[in-house]
C-alpha atoms as a PDB file:
ATOM      1  CA  MET A   1      -5.978 -31.336 -27.419  1.00  0.00           C
ATOM      2  CA  LYS A   2      -5.175 -27.933 -25.490  1.00  0.00           C
ATOM      3  CA  PHE A   3      -6.392 -26.090 -28.935  1.00  0.00           C
ATOM      4  CA  LEU A   4      -9.236 -28.216 -29.313  1.00  0.00           C
ATOM      5  CA  TRP A   5     -10.764 -27.770 -26.071  1.00  0.00           C
ATOM      6  CA  PRO A   6     -10.186 -25.140 -23.422  1.00  0.00           C
ATOM      7  CA  SER A   7      -8.727 -26.729 -20.629  1.00  0.00           C
ATOM      8  CA  LYS A   8      -9.881 -26.233 -16.957  1.00  0.00           C
ATOM      9  CA  GLU A   9      -7.878 -25.130 -13.369  1.00  0.00           C
ATOM     10  CA  VAL A  10      -9.366 -26.246 -10.381  1.00  0.00           C
ATOM     11  CA  ALA A  11      -7.426 -24.532  -6.866  1.00  0.00           C
ATOM     12  CA  ILE A  12      -8.064 -26.119  -3.810  1.00  0.00           C
ATOM     13  CA  MET A  13      -6.942 -24.019  -0.670  1.00  0.00           C
ATOM     14  CA  GLY A  14      -7.202 -24.943   3.124  1.00  0.00           C
ATOM     15  CA  SER A  15      -6.914 -27.884   5.593  1.00  0.00           C
ATOM     16  CA  GLN A  16      -9.536 -29.825   3.618  1.00  0.00           C
ATOM     17  CA  TYR A  17      -7.509 -30.262   0.126  1.00  0.00           C
ATOM     18  CA  GLN A  18      -6.898 -33.896  -0.104  1.00  0.00           C
ATOM     19  CA  ASN A  19     -10.913 -34.558   0.759  1.00  0.00           C
ATOM     20  CA  LEU A  20     -12.614 -31.813  -1.092  1.00  0.00           C
ATOM     21  CA  GLY A  21     -10.082 -33.356  -4.300  1.00  0.00           C
ATOM     22  CA  LYS A  22     -10.317 -36.933  -3.832  1.00  0.00           C
ATOM     23  CA  ASP A  23     -14.498 -35.724  -3.998  1.00  0.00           C
ATOM     24  CA  ILE A  24     -13.983 -33.768  -6.691  1.00  0.00           C
ATOM     25  CA  GLN A  25     -11.954 -36.335  -8.963  1.00  0.00           C
ATOM     26  CA  ARG A  26     -14.016 -39.480  -8.336  1.00  0.00           C
ATOM     27  CA  ASN A  27     -15.704 -38.749 -12.067  1.00  0.00           C
ATOM     28  CA  TYR A  28     -13.448 -37.955 -15.040  1.00  0.00           C
ATOM     29  CA  HIS A  29     -12.989 -34.470 -15.994  1.00  0.00           C
ATOM     30  CA  PHE A  30     -11.203 -34.211 -19.283  1.00  0.00           C
ATOM     31  CA  ASN A  31      -8.450 -31.784 -19.936  1.00  0.00           C
ATOM     32  CA  THR A  32      -8.840 -30.670 -15.998  1.00  0.00           C
ATOM     33  CA  ILE A  33      -5.600 -29.519 -13.640  1.00  0.00           C
ATOM     34  CA  PHE A  34      -5.639 -29.790 -10.239  1.00  0.00           C
ATOM     35  CA  VAL A  35      -3.654 -28.299  -7.474  1.00  0.00           C
ATOM     36  CA  GLY A  36      -4.286 -27.877  -4.059  1.00  0.00           C
ATOM     37  CA  SER A  37      -2.613 -26.739  -0.605  1.00  0.00           C
ATOM     38  CA  GLU A  38      -2.786 -26.360   2.643  1.00  0.00           C
ATOM     39  CA  LYS A  39      -1.235 -23.048   3.281  1.00  0.00           C
ATOM     40  CA  VAL A  40       1.510 -22.588   0.938  1.00  0.00           C
ATOM     41  CA  GLU A  41       0.487 -20.545  -2.423  1.00  0.00           C
ATOM     42  CA  TYR A  42       3.607 -21.907  -4.572  1.00  0.00           C
ATOM     43  CA  LEU A  43       1.728 -21.575  -8.246  1.00  0.00           C
ATOM     44  CA  ALA A  44       0.142 -18.262  -9.674  1.00  0.00           C
ATOM     45  CA  LEU A  45      -2.955 -20.058  -9.844  1.00  0.00           C
ATOM     46  CA  MET A  46      -3.051 -20.746  -6.143  1.00  0.00           C
ATOM     47  CA  HIS A  47      -1.669 -16.939  -5.198  1.00  0.00           C
ATOM     48  CA  ASP A  48      -4.089 -14.967  -2.757  1.00  0.00           C
ATOM     49  CA  ARG A  49      -6.566 -17.615  -2.612  1.00  0.00           C
ATOM     50  CA  PHE A  50      -5.712 -18.964   1.076  1.00  0.00           C
ATOM     51  CA  GLN A  51      -8.432 -17.977   3.135  1.00  0.00           C
ATOM     52  CA  GLY A  52      -6.696 -19.383   6.120  1.00  0.00           C
ATOM     53  CA  HIS A  53     -10.005 -20.645   8.449  1.00  0.00           C
ATOM     54  CA  LYS A  54     -12.274 -22.243   5.759  1.00  0.00           C
ATOM     55  CA  SER A  55     -11.062 -24.541   2.866  1.00  0.00           C
ATOM     56  CA  SER A  56     -12.504 -22.722  -0.484  1.00  0.00           C
ATOM     57  CA  ILE A  57     -12.674 -23.941  -4.264  1.00  0.00           C
ATOM     58  CA  TYR A  58     -11.993 -22.157  -7.216  1.00  0.00           C
ATOM     59  CA  VAL A  59     -12.922 -23.058 -10.829  1.00  0.00           C
ATOM     60  CA  CYS A  60     -11.087 -21.675 -13.938  1.00  0.00           C
ATOM     61  CA  LYS A  61     -11.430 -21.195 -17.397  1.00  0.00           C
ATOM     62  CA  SER A  62     -10.058 -19.329 -20.253  1.00  0.00           C
ATOM     63  CA  ARG A  63      -7.971 -17.789 -17.239  1.00  0.00           C
ATOM     64  CA  THR A  64     -10.694 -16.022 -15.129  1.00  0.00           C
ATOM     65  CA  CYS A  65     -11.524 -18.221 -12.103  1.00  0.00           C
ATOM     66  CA  SER A  66     -15.170 -18.312  -9.871  1.00  0.00           C
ATOM     67  CA  LEU A  67     -15.664 -16.863  -6.775  1.00  0.00           C
ATOM     68  CA  PRO A  68     -14.640 -19.173  -4.212  1.00  0.00           C
ATOM     69  CA  VAL A  69     -17.075 -22.534  -3.170  1.00  0.00           C
ATOM     70  CA  PHE A  70     -17.027 -24.558  -0.273  1.00  0.00           C
ATOM     71  CA  THR A  71     -18.654 -27.831  -1.387  1.00  0.00           C
ATOM     72  CA  THR A  72     -18.028 -30.542  -3.895  1.00  0.00           C
ATOM     73  CA  SER A  73     -21.048 -30.399  -5.410  1.00  0.00           C
ATOM     74  CA  GLU A  74     -21.043 -26.152  -6.096  1.00  0.00           C
ATOM     75  CA  ALA A  75     -17.472 -27.120  -7.750  1.00  0.00           C
ATOM     76  CA  LEU A  76     -19.340 -29.669  -9.821  1.00  0.00           C
ATOM     77  CA  GLN A  77     -21.807 -27.906 -10.939  1.00  0.00           C
ATOM     78  CA  LEU A  78     -18.954 -24.863 -11.863  1.00  0.00           C
ATOM     79  CA  LEU A  79     -17.210 -27.696 -14.212  1.00  0.00           C
ATOM     80  CA  GLY A  80     -20.314 -28.934 -15.533  1.00  0.00           C
ATOM     81  CA  ASP A  81     -20.465 -32.608 -14.362  1.00  0.00           C
ATOM     82  CA  GLU A  82     -23.946 -31.705 -12.256  1.00  0.00           C
END
């Protein structure tokens, strides 16, 4: 499937990463990988994404990440769900 449709990655950083992730994943997202962390940046996808004071969401497609968004509705728009 990876070769038929490009994958998407979603990195959620900050203290609300679990709640934001649950909200976004209420709908099915085909070929999408989700990662999240409160503070630790343990994957290359998360490198330099932690902002400290505010939880942020990055949607990445074709190895390019969006600017951070801060609400699930903005992330869903970037994922093409709204």
